Amino acid sequence: MLTEEEKEEVRKVFKSIGYADADAWQINEKLVGVLGKIVSESKVCTSRAKLAPIDILTSFKPGYFALGKAFLKVYMRMSTDNKKAYDACLNTTKNSLSIEVYEAANGL
């Protein structure tokens, strides 16, 4: 059985990921289980996106400046693409579980 504080925390999490109507939901254990699925899938998205920055130039070498600059352009484009892929992965996860979320929210 969830306490009122726990229910409010679950409600806040659902609102933060885009479910604006979470205030009207009946928060229950099934809904918490679906939230667990969303969180575990988001971890998969994070590992796929490889968002951690890398250190490419540890010391300045004038001969490699042009090469480093070219690499940074490619890296920045790749990082932007990774962010788009990450957002798409999260949206896909959210959309694929939305029916399950609404069923659980309505006690079905």
PDB file of N, CA and C in Angstrom:
ATOM      1  N   MET A   1       0.844  -1.182   0.000  1.00  0.00           N
ATOM      2  CA  MET A   1       0.000   0.000   0.000  1.00  0.00           C
ATOM      3  C   MET A   1       0.889   1.246   0.000  1.00  0.00           C
ATOM      4  N   LEU A   2       0.590   2.168  -0.861  1.00  0.00           N
ATOM      5  CA  LEU A   2       1.374   3.395  -0.978  1.00  0.00           C
ATOM      6  C   LEU A   2       0.842   4.463  -0.029  1.00  0.00           C
ATOM      7  N   THR A   3       1.768   5.221   0.548  1.00  0.00           N
ATOM      8  CA  THR A   3       1.359   6.351   1.378  1.00  0.00           C
ATOM      9  C   THR A   3       0.984   7.520   0.472  1.00  0.00           C
ATOM     10  N   GLU A   4       0.360   8.523   1.050  1.00  0.00           N
ATOM     11  CA  GLU A   4      -0.023   9.708   0.269  1.00  0.00           C
ATOM     12  C   GLU A   4       1.208  10.430  -0.281  1.00  0.00           C
ATOM     13  N   GLU A   5       2.291  10.472   0.501  1.00  0.00           N
ATOM     14  CA  GLU A   5       3.531  11.106   0.037  1.00  0.00           C
ATOM     15  C   GLU A   5       4.104  10.365  -1.170  1.00  0.00           C
ATOM     16  N   GLU A   6       4.096   9.033  -1.106  1.00  0.00           N
ATOM     17  CA  GLU A   6       4.603   8.236  -2.225  1.00  0.00           C
ATOM     18  C   GLU A   6       3.740   8.439  -3.467  1.00  0.00           C
ATOM     19  N   LYS A   7       2.442   8.506  -3.276  1.00  0.00           N
ATOM     20  CA  LYS A   7       1.536   8.743  -4.404  1.00  0.00           C
ATOM     21  C   LYS A   7       1.815  10.093  -5.050  1.00  0.00           C
ATOM     22  N   GLU A   8       2.071  11.099  -4.235  1.00  0.00           N
ATOM     23  CA  GLU A   8       2.383  12.430  -4.778  1.00  0.00           C
ATOM     24  C   GLU A   8       3.697  12.422  -5.551  1.00  0.00           C
ATOM     25  N   GLU A   9       4.683  11.679  -5.047  1.00  0.00           N
ATOM     26  CA  GLU A   9       5.966  11.581  -5.752  1.00  0.00           C
ATOM     27  C   GLU A   9       5.794  10.895  -7.106  1.00  0.00           C
ATOM     28  N   VAL A  10       5.020   9.821  -7.132  1.00  0.00           N
ATOM     29  CA  VAL A  10       4.758   9.120  -8.394  1.00  0.00           C
ATOM     30  C   VAL A  10       4.032  10.052  -9.358  1.00  0.00           C
ATOM     31  N   ARG A  11       3.068  10.783  -8.848  1.00  0.00           N
ATOM     32  CA  ARG A  11       2.311  11.733  -9.671  1.00  0.00           C
ATOM     33  C   ARG A  11       3.246  12.794 -10.268  1.00  0.00           C
ATOM     34  N   LYS A  12       4.174  13.305  -9.448  1.00  0.00           N
ATOM     35  CA  LYS A  12       5.128  14.315  -9.925  1.00  0.00           C
ATOM     36  C   LYS A  12       6.009  13.762 -11.045  1.00  0.00           C
ATOM     37  N   VAL A  13       6.436  12.513 -10.891  1.00  0.00           N
ATOM     38  CA  VAL A  13       7.289  11.904 -11.916  1.00  0.00           C
ATOM     39  C   VAL A  13       6.524  11.778 -13.225  1.00  0.00           C
ATOM     40  N   PHE A  14       5.288  11.301 -13.151  1.00  0.00           N
ATOM     41  CA  PHE A  14       4.497  11.171 -14.378  1.00  0.00           C
ATOM     42  C   PHE A  14       4.247  12.530 -15.023  1.00  0.00           C
ATOM     43  N   LYS A  15       4.005  13.543 -14.219  1.00  0.00           N
ATOM     44  CA  LYS A  15       3.804  14.881 -14.784  1.00  0.00           C
ATOM     45  C   LYS A  15       5.083  15.388 -15.438  1.00  0.00           C
ATOM     46  N   SER A  16       6.233  15.072 -14.854  1.00  0.00           N
ATOM     47  CA  SER A  16       7.507  15.555 -15.404  1.00  0.00           C
ATOM     48  C   SER A  16       7.860  14.885 -16.732  1.00  0.00           C
ATOM     49  N   ILE A  17       7.306  13.705 -16.991  1.00  0.00           N
ATOM     50  CA  ILE A  17       7.606  13.045 -18.265  1.00  0.00           C
ATOM     51  C   ILE A  17       6.498  13.244 -19.291  1.00  0.00           C
ATOM     52  N   GLY A  18       5.574  14.152 -18.987  1.00  0.00           N
ATOM     53  CA  GLY A  18       4.624  14.557 -20.015  1.00  0.00           C
ATOM     54  C   GLY A  18       3.184  14.130 -19.837  1.00  0.00           C
ATOM     55  N   TYR A  19       2.854  13.507 -18.743  1.00  0.00           N
ATOM     56  CA  TYR A  19       1.466  13.124 -18.487  1.00  0.00           C
ATOM     57  C   TYR A  19       0.812  14.209 -17.635  1.00  0.00           C
ATOM     58  N   ALA A  20       0.284  15.237 -18.294  1.00  0.00           N
ATOM     59  CA  ALA A  20      -0.266  16.403 -17.595  1.00  0.00           C
ATOM     60  C   ALA A  20      -1.516  16.078 -16.793  1.00  0.00           C
ATOM     61  N   ASP A  21      -2.218  15.034 -17.170  1.00  0.00           N
ATOM     62  CA  ASP A  21      -3.460  14.685 -16.480  1.00  0.00           C
ATOM     63  C   ASP A  21      -3.248  13.748 -15.289  1.00  0.00           C
ATOM     64  N   ALA A  22      -2.019  13.611 -14.826  1.00  0.00           N
ATOM     65  CA  ALA A  22      -1.711  12.699 -13.725  1.00  0.00           C
ATOM     66  C   ALA A  22      -2.374  13.103 -12.413  1.00  0.00           C
ATOM     67  N   ASP A  23      -2.777  14.365 -12.273  1.00  0.00           N
ATOM     68  CA  ASP A  23      -3.449  14.799 -11.041  1.00  0.00           C
ATOM     69  C   ASP A  23      -4.765  14.060 -10.815  1.00  0.00           C
ATOM     70  N   ALA A  24      -5.413  13.643 -11.872  1.00  0.00           N
ATOM     71  CA  ALA A  24      -6.712  12.981 -11.758  1.00  0.00           C
ATOM     72  C   ALA A  24      -6.597  11.459 -11.619  1.00  0.00           C
ATOM     73  N   TRP A  25      -5.400  10.931 -11.638  1.00  0.00           N
ATOM     74  CA  TRP A  25      -5.218   9.486 -11.625  1.00  0.00           C
ATOM     75  C   TRP A  25      -5.345   8.895 -10.231  1.00  0.00           C
ATOM     76  N   GLN A  26      -5.725   7.605 -10.209  1.00  0.00           N
ATOM     77  CA  GLN A  26      -5.679   6.818  -8.986  1.00  0.00           C
ATOM     78  C   GLN A  26      -4.302   6.144  -8.962  1.00  0.00           C
ATOM     79  N   ILE A  27      -3.409   6.649  -8.145  1.00  0.00           N
ATOM     80  CA  ILE A  27      -2.055   6.087  -8.097  1.00  0.00           C
ATOM     81  C   ILE A  27      -2.113   4.768  -7.340  1.00  0.00           C
ATOM     82  N   ASN A  28      -1.628   3.702  -7.986  1.00  0.00           N
ATOM     83  CA  ASN A  28      -1.651   2.376  -7.373  1.00  0.00           C
ATOM     84  C   ASN A  28      -0.354   1.633  -7.701  1.00  0.00           C
ATOM     85  N   GLU A  29      -0.252   0.415  -7.167  1.00  0.00           N
ATOM     86  CA  GLU A  29       0.971  -0.365  -7.359  1.00  0.00           C
ATOM     87  C   GLU A  29       1.205  -0.719  -8.830  1.00  0.00           C
ATOM     88  N   LYS A  30       0.139  -0.964  -9.561  1.00  0.00           N
ATOM     89  CA  LYS A  30       0.284  -1.295 -10.981  1.00  0.00           C
ATOM     90  C   LYS A  30       0.890  -0.117 -11.746  1.00  0.00           C
ATOM     91  N   LEU A  31       0.469   1.086 -11.405  1.00  0.00           N
ATOM     92  CA  LEU A  31       1.006   2.288 -12.043  1.00  0.00           C
ATOM     93  C   LEU A  31       2.482   2.468 -11.699  1.00  0.00           C
ATOM     94  N   VAL A  32       2.849   2.138 -10.466  1.00  0.00           N
ATOM     95  CA  VAL A  32       4.256   2.205 -10.066  1.00  0.00           C
ATOM     96  C   VAL A  32       5.074   1.181 -10.855  1.00  0.00           C
ATOM     97  N   GLY A  33       4.499   0.008 -11.105  1.00  0.00           N
ATOM     98  CA  GLY A  33       5.178  -1.000 -11.916  1.00  0.00           C
ATOM     99  C   GLY A  33       5.429  -0.533 -13.337  1.00  0.00           C
ATOM    100  N   VAL A  34       4.446   0.153 -13.917  1.00  0.00           N
ATOM    101  CA  VAL A  34       4.613   0.695 -15.269  1.00  0.00           C
ATOM    102  C   VAL A  34       5.691   1.776 -15.265  1.00  0.00           C
ATOM    103  N   LEU A  35       5.717   2.589 -14.220  1.00  0.00           N
ATOM    104  CA  LEU A  35       6.762   3.608 -14.098  1.00  0.00           C
ATOM    105  C   LEU A  35       8.140   2.949 -14.038  1.00  0.00           C
ATOM    106  N   GLY A  36       8.237   1.825 -13.351  1.00  0.00           N
ATOM    107  CA  GLY A  36       9.489   1.071 -13.313  1.00  0.00           C
ATOM    108  C   GLY A  36       9.925   0.618 -14.692  1.00  0.00           C
ATOM    109  N   LYS A  37       8.964   0.185 -15.518  1.00  0.00           N
ATOM    110  CA  LYS A  37       9.285  -0.204 -16.895  1.00  0.00           C
ATOM    111  C   LYS A  37       9.819   0.986 -17.683  1.00  0.00           C
ATOM    112  N   ILE A  38       9.177   2.141 -17.510  1.00  0.00           N
ATOM    113  CA  ILE A  38       9.616   3.344 -18.226  1.00  0.00           C
ATOM    114  C   ILE A  38      11.039   3.708 -17.822  1.00  0.00           C
ATOM    115  N   VAL A  39      11.324   3.632 -16.521  1.00  0.00           N
ATOM    116  CA  VAL A  39      12.663   3.974 -16.034  1.00  0.00           C
ATOM    117  C   VAL A  39      13.700   2.991 -16.572  1.00  0.00           C
ATOM    118  N   SER A  40      13.391   1.693 -16.556  1.00  0.00           N
ATOM    119  CA  SER A  40      14.376   0.722 -17.052  1.00  0.00           C
ATOM    120  C   SER A  40      14.607   0.881 -18.552  1.00  0.00           C
ATOM    121  N   GLU A  41      13.559   1.194 -19.308  1.00  0.00           N
ATOM    122  CA  GLU A  41      13.734   1.441 -20.743  1.00  0.00           C
ATOM    123  C   GLU A  41      14.534   2.718 -20.996  1.00  0.00           C
ATOM    124  N   SER A  42      14.362   3.724 -20.132  1.00  0.00           N
ATOM    125  CA  SER A  42      15.132   4.959 -20.311  1.00  0.00           C
ATOM    126  C   SER A  42      16.615   4.712 -20.065  1.00  0.00           C
ATOM    127  N   LYS A  43      16.930   3.762 -19.190  1.00  0.00           N
ATOM    128  CA  LYS A  43      18.335   3.400 -18.979  1.00  0.00           C
ATOM    129  C   LYS A  43      18.923   2.776 -20.243  1.00  0.00           C
ATOM    130  N   VAL A  44      18.127   1.990 -20.941  1.00  0.00           N
ATOM    131  CA  VAL A  44      18.574   1.412 -22.209  1.00  0.00           C
ATOM    132  C   VAL A  44      18.836   2.525 -23.217  1.00  0.00           C
ATOM    133  N   CYS A  45      17.936   3.514 -23.252  1.00  0.00           N
ATOM    134  CA  CYS A  45      18.123   4.653 -24.162  1.00  0.00           C
ATOM    135  C   CYS A  45      19.421   5.391 -23.841  1.00  0.00           C
ATOM    136  N   THR A  46      19.681   5.581 -22.553  1.00  0.00           N
ATOM    137  CA  THR A  46      20.886   6.292 -22.130  1.00  0.00           C
ATOM    138  C   THR A  46      22.140   5.540 -22.557  1.00  0.00           C
ATOM    139  N   SER A  47      22.146   4.232 -22.375  1.00  0.00           N
ATOM    140  CA  SER A  47      23.341   3.467 -22.748  1.00  0.00           C
ATOM    141  C   SER A  47      23.545   3.450 -24.260  1.00  0.00           C
ATOM    142  N   ARG A  48      22.461   3.502 -25.016  1.00  0.00           N
ATOM    143  CA  ARG A  48      22.583   3.517 -26.476  1.00  0.00           C
ATOM    144  C   ARG A  48      23.066   4.862 -27.003  1.00  0.00           C
ATOM    145  N   ALA A  49      22.714   5.926 -26.315  1.00  0.00           N
ATOM    146  CA  ALA A  49      23.008   7.262 -26.827  1.00  0.00           C
ATOM    147  C   ALA A  49      24.469   7.658 -26.684  1.00  0.00           C
ATOM    148  N   LYS A  50      25.172   7.102 -25.716  1.00  0.00           N
ATOM    149  CA  LYS A  50      26.589   7.431 -25.492  1.00  0.00           C
ATOM    150  C   LYS A  50      26.772   8.944 -25.379  1.00  0.00           C
ATOM    151  N   LEU A  51      26.080   9.529 -24.400  1.00  0.00           N
ATOM    152  CA  LEU A  51      26.093  10.982 -24.270  1.00  0.00           C
ATOM    153  C   LEU A  51      27.303  11.530 -23.521  1.00  0.00           C
ATOM    154  N   ALA A  52      28.126  10.656 -22.956  1.00  0.00           N
ATOM    155  CA  ALA A  52      29.255  11.149 -22.182  1.00  0.00           C
ATOM    156  C   ALA A  52      30.277  11.817 -23.092  1.00  0.00           C
ATOM    157  N   PRO A  53      30.708  13.034 -22.744  1.00  0.00           N
ATOM    158  CA  PRO A  53      31.709  13.717 -23.572  1.00  0.00           C
ATOM    159  C   PRO A  53      33.074  13.046 -23.446  1.00  0.00           C
ATOM    160  N   ILE A  54      33.883  13.186 -24.474  1.00  0.00           N
ATOM    161  CA  ILE A  54      35.227  12.622 -24.432  1.00  0.00           C
ATOM    162  C   ILE A  54      36.247  13.752 -24.518  1.00  0.00           C
ATOM    163  N   ASP A  55      37.415  13.540 -23.937  1.00  0.00           N
ATOM    164  CA  ASP A  55      38.488  14.525 -23.974  1.00  0.00           C
ATOM    165  C   ASP A  55      39.394  14.187 -25.151  1.00  0.00           C
ATOM    166  N   ILE A  56      39.400  15.056 -26.168  1.00  0.00           N
ATOM    167  CA  ILE A  56      40.166  14.725 -27.374  1.00  0.00           C
ATOM    168  C   ILE A  56      41.538  15.374 -27.412  1.00  0.00           C
ATOM    169  N   LEU A  57      41.676  16.541 -26.807  1.00  0.00           N
ATOM    170  CA  LEU A  57      42.963  17.236 -26.860  1.00  0.00           C
ATOM    171  C   LEU A  57      43.472  17.438 -25.438  1.00  0.00           C
ATOM    172  N   THR A  58      44.366  16.556 -24.992  1.00  0.00           N
ATOM    173  CA  THR A  58      44.880  16.677 -23.640  1.00  0.00           C
ATOM    174  C   THR A  58      45.971  17.736 -23.547  1.00  0.00           C
ATOM    175  N   SER A  59      46.671  17.981 -24.620  1.00  0.00           N
ATOM    176  CA  SER A  59      47.663  19.054 -24.631  1.00  0.00           C
ATOM    177  C   SER A  59      47.639  19.717 -26.004  1.00  0.00           C
ATOM    178  N   PHE A  60      47.962  20.986 -26.028  1.00  0.00           N
ATOM    179  CA  PHE A  60      47.900  21.749 -27.273  1.00  0.00           C
ATOM    180  C   PHE A  60      49.108  21.433 -28.142  1.00  0.00           C
ATOM    181  N   LYS A  61      48.861  21.039 -29.381  1.00  0.00           N
ATOM    182  CA  LYS A  61      49.918  20.789 -30.357  1.00  0.00           C
ATOM    183  C   LYS A  61      49.547  21.570 -31.608  1.00  0.00           C
ATOM    184  N   PRO A  62      50.292  22.629 -31.950  1.00  0.00           N
ATOM    185  CA  PRO A  62      49.915  23.488 -33.077  1.00  0.00           C
ATOM    186  C   PRO A  62      49.710  22.741 -34.387  1.00  0.00           C
ATOM    187  N   GLY A  63      50.488  21.720 -34.666  1.00  0.00           N
ATOM    188  CA  GLY A  63      50.345  20.979 -35.917  1.00  0.00           C
ATOM    189  C   GLY A  63      49.024  20.229 -36.024  1.00  0.00           C
ATOM    190  N   TYR A  64      48.429  19.928 -34.887  1.00  0.00           N
ATOM    191  CA  TYR A  64      47.193  19.154 -34.871  1.00  0.00           C
ATOM    192  C   TYR A  64      45.953  20.019 -34.666  1.00  0.00           C
ATOM    193  N   PHE A  65      46.132  21.334 -34.659  1.00  0.00           N
ATOM    194  CA  PHE A  65      45.004  22.221 -34.380  1.00  0.00           C
ATOM    195  C   PHE A  65      43.895  22.079 -35.422  1.00  0.00           C
ATOM    196  N   ALA A  66      44.257  22.068 -36.713  1.00  0.00           N
ATOM    197  CA  ALA A  66      43.250  21.945 -37.779  1.00  0.00           C
ATOM    198  C   ALA A  66      42.543  20.595 -37.701  1.00  0.00           C
ATOM    199  N   LEU A  67      43.297  19.540 -37.413  1.00  0.00           N
ATOM    200  CA  LEU A  67      42.707  18.214 -37.274  1.00  0.00           C
ATOM    201  C   LEU A  67      41.743  18.176 -36.085  1.00  0.00           C
ATOM    202  N   GLY A  68      42.174  18.771 -34.985  1.00  0.00           N
ATOM    203  CA  GLY A  68      41.318  18.820 -33.798  1.00  0.00           C
ATOM    204  C   GLY A  68      40.043  19.601 -34.050  1.00  0.00           C
ATOM    205  N   LYS A  69      40.169  20.715 -34.759  1.00  0.00           N
ATOM    206  CA  LYS A  69      39.001  21.544 -35.068  1.00  0.00           C
ATOM    207  C   LYS A  69      38.019  20.775 -35.951  1.00  0.00           C
ATOM    208  N   ALA A  70      38.546  20.066 -36.950  1.00  0.00           N
ATOM    209  CA  ALA A  70      37.685  19.266 -37.832  1.00  0.00           C
ATOM    210  C   ALA A  70      36.992  18.156 -37.047  1.00  0.00           C
ATOM    211  N   PHE A  71      37.741  17.524 -36.142  1.00  0.00           N
ATOM    212  CA  PHE A  71      37.157  16.466 -35.326  1.00  0.00           C
ATOM    213  C   PHE A  71      36.054  17.015 -34.428  1.00  0.00           C
ATOM    214  N   LEU A  72      36.282  18.197 -33.861  1.00  0.00           N
ATOM    215  CA  LEU A  72      35.263  18.803 -32.997  1.00  0.00           C
ATOM    216  C   LEU A  72      33.966  19.058 -33.755  1.00  0.00           C
ATOM    217  N   LYS A  73      34.082  19.493 -35.009  1.00  0.00           N
ATOM    218  CA  LYS A  73      32.872  19.713 -35.810  1.00  0.00           C
ATOM    219  C   LYS A  73      32.103  18.408 -35.989  1.00  0.00           C
ATOM    220  N   VAL A  74      32.825  17.343 -36.317  1.00  0.00           N
ATOM    221  CA  VAL A  74      32.185  16.038 -36.495  1.00  0.00           C
ATOM    222  C   VAL A  74      31.596  15.557 -35.174  1.00  0.00           C
ATOM    223  N   TYR A  75      32.355  15.720 -34.084  1.00  0.00           N
ATOM    224  CA  TYR A  75      31.899  15.276 -32.767  1.00  0.00           C
ATOM    225  C   TYR A  75      30.652  16.035 -32.329  1.00  0.00           C
ATOM    226  N   MET A  76      30.622  17.338 -32.569  1.00  0.00           N
ATOM    227  CA  MET A  76      29.453  18.128 -32.172  1.00  0.00           C
ATOM    228  C   MET A  76      28.223  17.699 -32.965  1.00  0.00           C
ATOM    229  N   ARG A  77      28.401  17.419 -34.238  1.00  0.00           N
ATOM    230  CA  ARG A  77      27.273  16.944 -35.042  1.00  0.00           C
ATOM    231  C   ARG A  77      26.809  15.582 -34.527  1.00  0.00           C
ATOM    232  N   MET A  78      27.762  14.709 -34.193  1.00  0.00           N
ATOM    233  CA  MET A  78      27.432  13.388 -33.684  1.00  0.00           C
ATOM    234  C   MET A  78      26.707  13.493 -32.344  1.00  0.00           C
ATOM    235  N   SER A  79      27.148  14.413 -31.479  1.00  0.00           N
ATOM    236  CA  SER A  79      26.500  14.603 -30.185  1.00  0.00           C
ATOM    237  C   SER A  79      25.068  15.078 -30.361  1.00  0.00           C
ATOM    238  N   THR A  80      24.851  15.976 -31.306  1.00  0.00           N
ATOM    239  CA  THR A  80      23.502  16.456 -31.581  1.00  0.00           C
ATOM    240  C   THR A  80      22.632  15.315 -32.079  1.00  0.00           C
ATOM    241  N   ASP A  81      23.175  14.493 -32.968  1.00  0.00           N
ATOM    242  CA  ASP A  81      22.426  13.343 -33.468  1.00  0.00           C
ATOM    243  C   ASP A  81      22.120  12.367 -32.340  1.00  0.00           C
ATOM    244  N   ASN A  82      23.084  12.163 -31.408  1.00  0.00           N
ATOM    245  CA  ASN A  82      22.851  11.283 -30.271  1.00  0.00           C
ATOM    246  C   ASN A  82      21.735  11.817 -29.386  1.00  0.00           C
ATOM    247  N   LYS A  83      21.694  13.131 -29.188  1.00  0.00           N
ATOM    248  CA  LYS A  83      20.638  13.733 -28.376  1.00  0.00           C
ATOM    249  C   LYS A  83      19.284  13.513 -29.033  1.00  0.00           C
ATOM    250  N   LYS A  84      19.228  13.670 -30.354  1.00  0.00           N
ATOM    251  CA  LYS A  84      17.974  13.430 -31.072  1.00  0.00           C
ATOM    252  C   LYS A  84      17.570  11.964 -30.964  1.00  0.00           C
ATOM    253  N   ALA A  85      18.539  11.075 -31.083  1.00  0.00           N
ATOM    254  CA  ALA A  85      18.251   9.644 -30.971  1.00  0.00           C
ATOM    255  C   ALA A  85      17.775   9.302 -29.563  1.00  0.00           C
ATOM    256  N   TYR A  86      18.394   9.922 -28.556  1.00  0.00           N
ATOM    257  CA  TYR A  86      17.996   9.701 -27.163  1.00  0.00           C
ATOM    258  C   TYR A  86      16.560  10.167 -26.937  1.00  0.00           C
ATOM    259  N   ASP A  87      16.235  11.371 -27.405  1.00  0.00           N
ATOM    260  CA  ASP A  87      14.870  11.884 -27.263  1.00  0.00           C
ATOM    261  C   ASP A  87      13.869  10.995 -27.985  1.00  0.00           C
ATOM    262  N   ALA A  88      14.222  10.540 -29.170  1.00  0.00           N
ATOM    263  CA  ALA A  88      13.331   9.657 -29.928  1.00  0.00           C
ATOM    264  C   ALA A  88      13.121   8.334 -29.197  1.00  0.00           C
ATOM    265  N   CYS A  89      14.184   7.818 -28.605  1.00  0.00           N
ATOM    266  CA  CYS A  89      14.085   6.571 -27.848  1.00  0.00           C
ATOM    267  C   CYS A  89      13.159   6.745 -26.649  1.00  0.00           C
ATOM    268  N   LEU A  90      13.310   7.850 -25.913  1.00  0.00           N
ATOM    269  CA  LEU A  90      12.437   8.100 -24.760  1.00  0.00           C
ATOM    270  C   LEU A  90      10.985   8.272 -25.184  1.00  0.00           C
ATOM    271  N   ASN A  91      10.751   9.000 -26.264  1.00  0.00           N
ATOM    272  CA  ASN A  91       9.379   9.193 -26.744  1.00  0.00           C
ATOM    273  C   ASN A  91       8.760   7.878 -27.193  1.00  0.00           C
ATOM    274  N   THR A  92       9.545   7.038 -27.840  1.00  0.00           N
ATOM    275  CA  THR A  92       9.047   5.729 -28.262  1.00  0.00           C
ATOM    276  C   THR A  92       8.677   4.884 -27.053  1.00  0.00           C
ATOM    277  N   THR A  93       9.525   4.910 -26.032  1.00  0.00           N
ATOM    278  CA  THR A  93       9.239   4.169 -24.804  1.00  0.00           C
ATOM    279  C   THR A  93       7.958   4.668 -24.161  1.00  0.00           C
ATOM    280  N   LYS A  94       7.851   5.979 -24.040  1.00  0.00           N
ATOM    281  CA  LYS A  94       6.658   6.572 -23.423  1.00  0.00           C
ATOM    282  C   LYS A  94       5.405   6.224 -24.214  1.00  0.00           C
ATOM    283  N   ASN A  95       5.472   6.342 -25.531  1.00  0.00           N
ATOM    284  CA  ASN A  95       4.307   6.063 -26.368  1.00  0.00           C
ATOM    285  C   ASN A  95       3.929   4.587 -26.359  1.00  0.00           C
ATOM    286  N   SER A  96       4.920   3.712 -26.336  1.00  0.00           N
ATOM    287  CA  SER A  96       4.616   2.279 -26.360  1.00  0.00           C
ATOM    288  C   SER A  96       3.976   1.810 -25.056  1.00  0.00           C
ATOM    289  N   LEU A  97       4.231   2.510 -23.970  1.00  0.00           N
ATOM    290  CA  LEU A  97       3.655   2.122 -22.681  1.00  0.00           C
ATOM    291  C   LEU A  97       2.467   2.990 -22.274  1.00  0.00           C
ATOM    292  N   SER A  98       2.053   3.921 -23.108  1.00  0.00           N
ATOM    293  CA  SER A  98       0.993   4.851 -22.698  1.00  0.00           C
ATOM    294  C   SER A  98      -0.342   4.153 -22.458  1.00  0.00           C
ATOM    295  N   ILE A  99      -0.673   3.143 -23.245  1.00  0.00           N
ATOM    296  CA  ILE A  99      -1.929   2.420 -23.010  1.00  0.00           C
ATOM    297  C   ILE A  99      -1.881   1.735 -21.652  1.00  0.00           C
ATOM    298  N   GLU A 100      -0.747   1.114 -21.355  1.00  0.00           N
ATOM    299  CA  GLU A 100      -0.576   0.453 -20.065  1.00  0.00           C
ATOM    300  C   GLU A 100      -0.649   1.461 -18.918  1.00  0.00           C
ATOM    301  N   VAL A 101      -0.089   2.646 -19.122  1.00  0.00           N
ATOM    302  CA  VAL A 101      -0.142   3.699 -18.104  1.00  0.00           C
ATOM    303  C   VAL A 101      -1.588   4.093 -17.833  1.00  0.00           C
ATOM    304  N   TYR A 102      -2.342   4.369 -18.880  1.00  0.00           N
ATOM    305  CA  TYR A 102      -3.722   4.820 -18.697  1.00  0.00           C
ATOM    306  C   TYR A 102      -4.626   3.718 -18.150  1.00  0.00           C
ATOM    307  N   GLU A 103      -4.378   2.469 -18.527  1.00  0.00           N
ATOM    308  CA  GLU A 103      -5.144   1.371 -17.936  1.00  0.00           C
ATOM    309  C   GLU A 103      -4.880   1.277 -16.439  1.00  0.00           C
ATOM    310  N   ALA A 104      -3.606   1.354 -16.054  1.00  0.00           N
ATOM    311  CA  ALA A 104      -3.257   1.285 -14.634  1.00  0.00           C
ATOM    312  C   ALA A 104      -3.802   2.487 -13.878  1.00  0.00           C
ATOM    313  N   ALA A 105      -3.770   3.659 -14.500  1.00  0.00           N
ATOM    314  CA  ALA A 105      -4.267   4.870 -13.844  1.00  0.00           C
ATOM    315  C   ALA A 105      -5.769   4.801 -13.596  1.00  0.00           C
ATOM    316  N   ASN A 106      -6.474   4.058 -14.435  1.00  0.00           N
ATOM    317  CA  ASN A 106      -7.923   3.912 -14.270  1.00  0.00           C
ATOM    318  C   ASN A 106      -8.303   2.636 -13.529  1.00  0.00           C
ATOM    319  N   GLY A 107      -7.313   1.965 -12.971  1.00  0.00           N
ATOM    320  CA  GLY A 107      -7.579   0.782 -12.167  1.00  0.00           C
ATOM    321  C   GLY A 107      -7.955  -0.454 -12.962  1.00  0.00           C
ATOM    322  N   LEU A 108      -7.593  -0.505 -14.213  1.00  0.00           N
ATOM    323  CA  LEU A 108      -7.934  -1.665 -15.057  1.00  0.00           C
ATOM    324  C   LEU A 108      -6.836  -2.700 -15.067  1.00  0.00           C
TER     325      LEU A 108
END
